Amino acid sequence: MRQPWAAAGSGGAAVVGASGSLDVVQARQIGAAARDRAADGAVGVVLDLTGTTFADEIGVLTLAEEVLVLTGAGLPMALCGMQPHLEERLHRAGVSRQAAVCDTLADAHRLIAAAVEA
């Protein structure tokens, strides 16, 4: 498991990414990185899960909880780059009701920008 990374994205949004296996520790670290970026002034957060190769059930549920907390606080979020099995599991966990789910990073940035302008 690698530590999540964070970077500035376009339009004031931040990108938080992860690679390897998504478990409870990784999910909490992703949430913490997203909160840190929001505290630093990011207008939204894109979770880039392109490098995530496996997710256990607790990791999926924990990430769903993190997304719920962040969006509940008013932070626009989008997820992108997920493999189909991960996207399906996150959808079943309710993430798609809270955050946009996109195929590409560019699509995610466009949706965050639209949410901020609305």
N, C-alpha and C. Protein backbone atom coordinates (compact mmCIF):
# COMPACT_ATOMS: atom_id res chain seq x y z
N MET A 1 0.84 -1.18 0.00
CA MET A 1 0.00 0.00 0.00
C MET A 1 0.89 1.24 0.00
N ARG A 2 0.52 2.17 -0.86
CA ARG A 2 1.24 3.44 -0.93
C ARG A 2 0.39 4.54 -0.32
N GLN A 3 1.07 5.57 0.12
CA GLN A 3 0.37 6.73 0.66
C GLN A 3 -0.36 7.43 -0.48
N PRO A 4 -1.54 7.98 -0.22
CA PRO A 4 -2.22 8.79 -1.23
C PRO A 4 -1.38 10.01 -1.57
N TRP A 5 -1.54 10.51 -2.76
CA TRP A 5 -0.86 11.73 -3.18
C TRP A 5 -1.91 12.80 -3.46
N ALA A 6 -1.49 14.03 -3.41
CA ALA A 6 -2.39 15.15 -3.69
C ALA A 6 -1.66 16.18 -4.53
N ALA A 7 -2.41 16.83 -5.41
CA ALA A 7 -1.84 17.84 -6.29
C ALA A 7 -2.90 18.87 -6.63
N ALA A 8 -2.46 20.02 -7.07
CA ALA A 8 -3.40 21.04 -7.53
C ALA A 8 -3.95 20.59 -8.87
N GLY A 9 -5.24 20.79 -9.05
CA GLY A 9 -5.88 20.48 -10.32
C GLY A 9 -6.25 21.76 -11.02
N SER A 10 -7.13 21.68 -11.98
CA SER A 10 -7.54 22.87 -12.70
C SER A 10 -8.74 23.54 -12.02
N GLY A 11 -8.84 24.85 -12.21
CA GLY A 11 -9.98 25.60 -11.70
C GLY A 11 -10.09 25.66 -10.19
N GLY A 12 -9.01 25.49 -9.48
CA GLY A 12 -9.04 25.56 -8.03
C GLY A 12 -9.38 24.25 -7.34
N ALA A 13 -9.61 23.21 -8.12
CA ALA A 13 -9.88 21.89 -7.54
C ALA A 13 -8.56 21.20 -7.23
N ALA A 14 -8.60 20.29 -6.31
CA ALA A 14 -7.43 19.49 -5.98
C ALA A 14 -7.67 18.07 -6.48
N VAL A 15 -6.59 17.35 -6.72
CA VAL A 15 -6.68 15.95 -7.11
C VAL A 15 -5.99 15.14 -6.02
N VAL A 16 -6.69 14.14 -5.52
CA VAL A 16 -6.13 13.21 -4.56
C VAL A 16 -6.17 11.84 -5.21
N GLY A 17 -5.04 11.18 -5.23
CA GLY A 17 -4.97 9.88 -5.88
C GLY A 17 -4.42 8.81 -4.97
N ALA A 18 -4.68 7.59 -5.37
CA ALA A 18 -4.20 6.45 -4.61
C ALA A 18 -3.87 5.33 -5.58
N SER A 19 -3.00 4.44 -5.15
CA SER A 19 -2.69 3.28 -5.97
C SER A 19 -2.55 2.07 -5.07
N GLY A 20 -2.64 0.91 -5.70
CA GLY A 20 -2.55 -0.33 -4.93
C GLY A 20 -3.90 -0.71 -4.37
N SER A 21 -3.89 -1.34 -3.22
CA SER A 21 -5.11 -1.83 -2.60
C SER A 21 -5.79 -0.76 -1.76
N LEU A 22 -7.11 -0.73 -1.87
CA LEU A 22 -7.91 0.18 -1.06
C LEU A 22 -8.45 -0.59 0.14
N ASP A 23 -7.92 -0.27 1.30
CA ASP A 23 -8.42 -0.86 2.54
C ASP A 23 -8.82 0.28 3.47
N VAL A 24 -9.19 -0.03 4.68
CA VAL A 24 -9.67 0.99 5.60
C VAL A 24 -8.61 2.07 5.85
N VAL A 25 -7.35 1.69 5.97
CA VAL A 25 -6.29 2.66 6.23
C VAL A 25 -6.13 3.59 5.03
N GLN A 26 -6.06 3.02 3.84
CA GLN A 26 -5.92 3.82 2.62
C GLN A 26 -7.12 4.75 2.45
N ALA A 27 -8.32 4.26 2.69
CA ALA A 27 -9.52 5.08 2.54
C ALA A 27 -9.49 6.27 3.51
N ARG A 28 -9.10 6.03 4.75
CA ARG A 28 -9.00 7.13 5.73
C ARG A 28 -7.93 8.13 5.30
N GLN A 29 -6.82 7.65 4.76
CA GLN A 29 -5.76 8.54 4.30
C GLN A 29 -6.22 9.38 3.11
N ILE A 30 -7.00 8.79 2.23
CA ILE A 30 -7.55 9.54 1.10
C ILE A 30 -8.47 10.65 1.63
N GLY A 31 -9.33 10.30 2.57
CA GLY A 31 -10.22 11.30 3.17
C GLY A 31 -9.45 12.42 3.84
N ALA A 32 -8.40 12.06 4.57
CA ALA A 32 -7.59 13.08 5.25
C ALA A 32 -6.90 14.00 4.24
N ALA A 33 -6.39 13.42 3.16
CA ALA A 33 -5.73 14.24 2.12
C ALA A 33 -6.74 15.18 1.47
N ALA A 34 -7.96 14.70 1.24
CA ALA A 34 -9.00 15.56 0.66
C ALA A 34 -9.37 16.69 1.62
N ARG A 35 -9.50 16.38 2.90
CA ARG A 35 -9.81 17.43 3.89
C ARG A 35 -8.68 18.45 3.97
N ASP A 36 -7.44 17.99 3.90
CA ASP A 36 -6.30 18.91 3.92
C ASP A 36 -6.34 19.86 2.74
N ARG A 37 -6.65 19.32 1.56
CA ARG A 37 -6.72 20.17 0.35
C ARG A 37 -7.85 21.18 0.47
N ALA A 38 -8.98 20.74 1.01
CA ALA A 38 -10.10 21.66 1.20
C ALA A 38 -9.72 22.77 2.19
N ALA A 39 -9.03 22.41 3.26
CA ALA A 39 -8.58 23.39 4.24
C ALA A 39 -7.58 24.37 3.63
N ASP A 40 -6.85 23.91 2.62
CA ASP A 40 -5.90 24.78 1.92
C ASP A 40 -6.56 25.65 0.87
N GLY A 41 -7.89 25.53 0.71
CA GLY A 41 -8.61 26.40 -0.21
C GLY A 41 -9.10 25.77 -1.49
N ALA A 42 -8.96 24.48 -1.65
CA ALA A 42 -9.47 23.83 -2.86
C ALA A 42 -10.99 24.01 -2.91
N VAL A 43 -11.51 24.30 -4.10
CA VAL A 43 -12.95 24.51 -4.25
C VAL A 43 -13.69 23.20 -4.48
N GLY A 44 -12.96 22.15 -4.72
CA GLY A 44 -13.53 20.82 -4.92
C GLY A 44 -12.39 19.82 -4.95
N VAL A 45 -12.74 18.54 -4.90
CA VAL A 45 -11.72 17.50 -4.90
C VAL A 45 -12.10 16.40 -5.89
N VAL A 46 -11.12 16.02 -6.68
CA VAL A 46 -11.25 14.87 -7.57
C VAL A 46 -10.45 13.73 -6.95
N LEU A 47 -11.10 12.59 -6.77
CA LEU A 47 -10.38 11.39 -6.32
C LEU A 47 -10.03 10.58 -7.55
N ASP A 48 -8.74 10.50 -7.85
CA ASP A 48 -8.25 9.75 -9.00
C ASP A 48 -7.85 8.36 -8.52
N LEU A 49 -8.67 7.38 -8.86
CA LEU A 49 -8.45 6.01 -8.40
C LEU A 49 -7.93 5.12 -9.51
N THR A 50 -7.27 5.73 -10.50
CA THR A 50 -6.74 4.98 -11.63
C THR A 50 -5.80 3.86 -11.20
N GLY A 51 -4.99 4.12 -10.21
CA GLY A 51 -4.00 3.14 -9.78
C GLY A 51 -4.49 2.14 -8.75
N THR A 52 -5.76 2.21 -8.39
CA THR A 52 -6.29 1.29 -7.39
C THR A 52 -6.58 -0.05 -8.05
N THR A 53 -5.91 -1.07 -7.58
CA THR A 53 -6.00 -2.39 -8.21
C THR A 53 -6.93 -3.35 -7.51
N PHE A 54 -7.19 -3.11 -6.24
CA PHE A 54 -8.04 -4.00 -5.45
C PHE A 54 -8.67 -3.19 -4.33
N ALA A 55 -9.86 -3.58 -3.91
CA ALA A 55 -10.51 -2.92 -2.78
C ALA A 55 -11.23 -3.97 -1.96
N ASP A 56 -10.97 -3.97 -0.66
CA ASP A 56 -11.75 -4.87 0.19
C ASP A 56 -13.04 -4.15 0.60
N GLU A 57 -13.97 -4.90 1.12
CA GLU A 57 -15.30 -4.35 1.42
C GLU A 57 -15.23 -3.22 2.43
N ILE A 58 -14.41 -3.36 3.45
CA ILE A 58 -14.30 -2.30 4.46
C ILE A 58 -13.68 -1.05 3.86
N GLY A 59 -12.72 -1.21 2.96
CA GLY A 59 -12.13 -0.06 2.28
C GLY A 59 -13.15 0.69 1.45
N VAL A 60 -13.99 -0.04 0.73
CA VAL A 60 -15.04 0.57 -0.09
C VAL A 60 -16.02 1.32 0.80
N LEU A 61 -16.49 0.69 1.86
CA LEU A 61 -17.45 1.35 2.75
C LEU A 61 -16.84 2.55 3.46
N THR A 62 -15.57 2.46 3.81
CA THR A 62 -14.90 3.58 4.47
C THR A 62 -14.73 4.74 3.50
N LEU A 63 -14.36 4.45 2.26
CA LEU A 63 -14.24 5.53 1.28
C LEU A 63 -15.60 6.17 1.03
N ALA A 64 -16.65 5.36 0.96
CA ALA A 64 -18.00 5.91 0.79
C ALA A 64 -18.35 6.83 1.96
N GLU A 65 -17.99 6.45 3.16
CA GLU A 65 -18.23 7.29 4.33
C GLU A 65 -17.46 8.60 4.24
N GLU A 66 -16.20 8.52 3.81
CA GLU A 66 -15.37 9.74 3.66
C GLU A 66 -16.01 10.68 2.65
N VAL A 67 -16.47 10.15 1.52
CA VAL A 67 -17.11 10.97 0.50
C VAL A 67 -18.38 11.61 1.05
N LEU A 68 -19.17 10.86 1.79
CA LEU A 68 -20.39 11.37 2.39
C LEU A 68 -20.10 12.54 3.34
N VAL A 69 -19.10 12.40 4.16
CA VAL A 69 -18.74 13.46 5.11
C VAL A 69 -18.26 14.71 4.36
N LEU A 70 -17.41 14.53 3.36
CA LEU A 70 -16.87 15.67 2.62
C LEU A 70 -17.94 16.39 1.82
N THR A 71 -18.78 15.65 1.11
CA THR A 71 -19.84 16.30 0.34
C THR A 71 -20.90 16.89 1.26
N GLY A 72 -21.13 16.26 2.39
CA GLY A 72 -22.07 16.81 3.36
C GLY A 72 -21.61 18.15 3.92
N ALA A 73 -20.31 18.37 3.91
CA ALA A 73 -19.75 19.64 4.36
C ALA A 73 -19.74 20.68 3.23
N GLY A 74 -20.30 20.29 2.07
CA GLY A 74 -20.41 21.24 0.96
C GLY A 74 -19.27 21.20 -0.04
N LEU A 75 -18.40 20.23 0.05
CA LEU A 75 -17.27 20.15 -0.87
C LEU A 75 -17.66 19.36 -2.11
N PRO A 76 -17.68 19.98 -3.30
CA PRO A 76 -17.95 19.22 -4.51
C PRO A 76 -16.86 18.18 -4.75
N MET A 77 -17.29 16.98 -5.12
CA MET A 77 -16.34 15.89 -5.34
C MET A 77 -16.69 15.13 -6.60
N ALA A 78 -15.66 14.55 -7.19
CA ALA A 78 -15.83 13.64 -8.32
C ALA A 78 -14.79 12.54 -8.19
N LEU A 79 -15.14 11.36 -8.63
CA LEU A 79 -14.22 10.23 -8.65
C LEU A 79 -13.99 9.84 -10.09
N CYS A 80 -12.77 9.43 -10.41
CA CYS A 80 -12.50 9.04 -11.78
C CYS A 80 -11.46 7.92 -11.82
N GLY A 81 -11.39 7.29 -12.99
CA GLY A 81 -10.36 6.32 -13.28
C GLY A 81 -10.53 4.96 -12.63
N MET A 82 -11.72 4.66 -12.18
CA MET A 82 -11.91 3.40 -11.46
C MET A 82 -12.07 2.23 -12.43
N GLN A 83 -11.54 1.10 -12.01
CA GLN A 83 -11.79 -0.12 -12.75
C GLN A 83 -13.26 -0.49 -12.54
N PRO A 84 -13.87 -1.18 -13.50
CA PRO A 84 -15.32 -1.46 -13.42
C PRO A 84 -15.76 -2.12 -12.11
N HIS A 85 -14.98 -3.07 -11.60
CA HIS A 85 -15.41 -3.73 -10.36
C HIS A 85 -15.43 -2.78 -9.18
N LEU A 86 -14.49 -1.85 -9.13
CA LEU A 86 -14.46 -0.86 -8.04
C LEU A 86 -15.60 0.15 -8.21
N GLU A 87 -15.83 0.58 -9.42
CA GLU A 87 -16.92 1.53 -9.67
C GLU A 87 -18.26 0.93 -9.26
N GLU A 88 -18.47 -0.32 -9.59
CA GLU A 88 -19.72 -0.99 -9.23
C GLU A 88 -19.88 -1.08 -7.71
N ARG A 89 -18.82 -1.43 -7.02
CA ARG A 89 -18.89 -1.57 -5.56
C ARG A 89 -19.13 -0.21 -4.89
N LEU A 90 -18.47 0.83 -5.39
CA LEU A 90 -18.69 2.16 -4.83
C LEU A 90 -20.10 2.65 -5.12
N HIS A 91 -20.59 2.32 -6.30
CA HIS A 91 -21.97 2.69 -6.64
C HIS A 91 -22.95 2.02 -5.67
N ARG A 92 -22.76 0.74 -5.42
CA ARG A 92 -23.64 0.03 -4.47
C ARG A 92 -23.53 0.61 -3.07
N ALA A 93 -22.37 1.17 -2.73
CA ALA A 93 -22.17 1.77 -1.41
C ALA A 93 -22.75 3.19 -1.33
N GLY A 94 -23.29 3.70 -2.45
CA GLY A 94 -23.95 4.99 -2.45
C GLY A 94 -23.12 6.18 -2.85
N VAL A 95 -21.89 5.96 -3.29
CA VAL A 95 -21.02 7.09 -3.64
C VAL A 95 -21.59 7.90 -4.79
N SER A 96 -22.19 7.25 -5.77
CA SER A 96 -22.69 7.98 -6.94
C SER A 96 -23.87 8.90 -6.60
N ARG A 97 -24.47 8.74 -5.43
CA ARG A 97 -25.51 9.67 -5.00
C ARG A 97 -24.90 10.92 -4.37
N GLN A 98 -23.64 10.88 -4.01
CA GLN A 98 -22.98 11.98 -3.32
C GLN A 98 -21.98 12.73 -4.19
N ALA A 99 -21.35 12.02 -5.10
CA ALA A 99 -20.28 12.62 -5.91
C ALA A 99 -20.42 12.15 -7.35
N ALA A 100 -19.90 12.95 -8.24
CA ALA A 100 -19.90 12.58 -9.66
C ALA A 100 -18.92 11.43 -9.88
N VAL A 101 -19.28 10.53 -10.74
CA VAL A 101 -18.39 9.43 -11.11
C VAL A 101 -18.09 9.59 -12.60
N CYS A 102 -16.81 9.75 -12.92
CA CYS A 102 -16.38 10.07 -14.28
C CYS A 102 -15.38 9.05 -14.79
N ASP A 103 -15.29 8.96 -16.11
CA ASP A 103 -14.30 8.07 -16.71
C ASP A 103 -12.90 8.68 -16.68
N THR A 104 -12.81 9.99 -16.91
CA THR A 104 -11.50 10.62 -17.04
C THR A 104 -11.31 11.76 -16.05
N LEU A 105 -10.08 12.10 -15.83
CA LEU A 105 -9.73 13.22 -14.96
C LEU A 105 -10.28 14.53 -15.54
N ALA A 106 -10.20 14.68 -16.86
CA ALA A 106 -10.70 15.90 -17.51
C ALA A 106 -12.21 16.04 -17.28
N ASP A 107 -12.95 14.94 -17.41
CA ASP A 107 -14.40 14.98 -17.16
C ASP A 107 -14.68 15.37 -15.71
N ALA A 108 -13.91 14.82 -14.80
CA ALA A 108 -14.10 15.13 -13.38
C ALA A 108 -13.86 16.61 -13.11
N HIS A 109 -12.83 17.17 -13.71
CA HIS A 109 -12.56 18.60 -13.53
C HIS A 109 -13.70 19.45 -14.09
N ARG A 110 -14.24 19.06 -15.23
CA ARG A 110 -15.36 19.81 -15.81
C ARG A 110 -16.57 19.78 -14.88
N LEU A 111 -16.86 18.63 -14.30
CA LEU A 111 -18.01 18.53 -13.41
C LEU A 111 -17.81 19.32 -12.11
N ILE A 112 -16.60 19.31 -11.59
CA ILE A 112 -16.32 20.11 -10.39
C ILE A 112 -16.49 21.60 -10.72
N ALA A 113 -15.96 22.03 -11.86
CA ALA A 113 -16.08 23.43 -12.26
C ALA A 113 -17.54 23.83 -12.40
N ALA A 114 -18.36 22.97 -12.99
CA ALA A 114 -19.78 23.25 -13.15
C ALA A 114 -20.47 23.32 -11.79
N ALA A 115 -20.10 22.45 -10.87
CA ALA A 115 -20.71 22.46 -9.53
C ALA A 115 -20.35 23.73 -8.78
N VAL A 116 -19.14 24.19 -8.96
CA VAL A 116 -18.69 25.41 -8.26
C VAL A 116 -19.41 26.63 -8.82
N GLU A 117 -19.63 26.65 -10.14
CA GLU A 117 -20.29 27.78 -10.78
C GLU A 117 -21.78 27.82 -10.48
N ALA A 118 -22.37 26.69 -10.15
CA ALA A 118 -23.83 26.62 -9.94
C ALA A 118 -24.27 27.32 -8.68
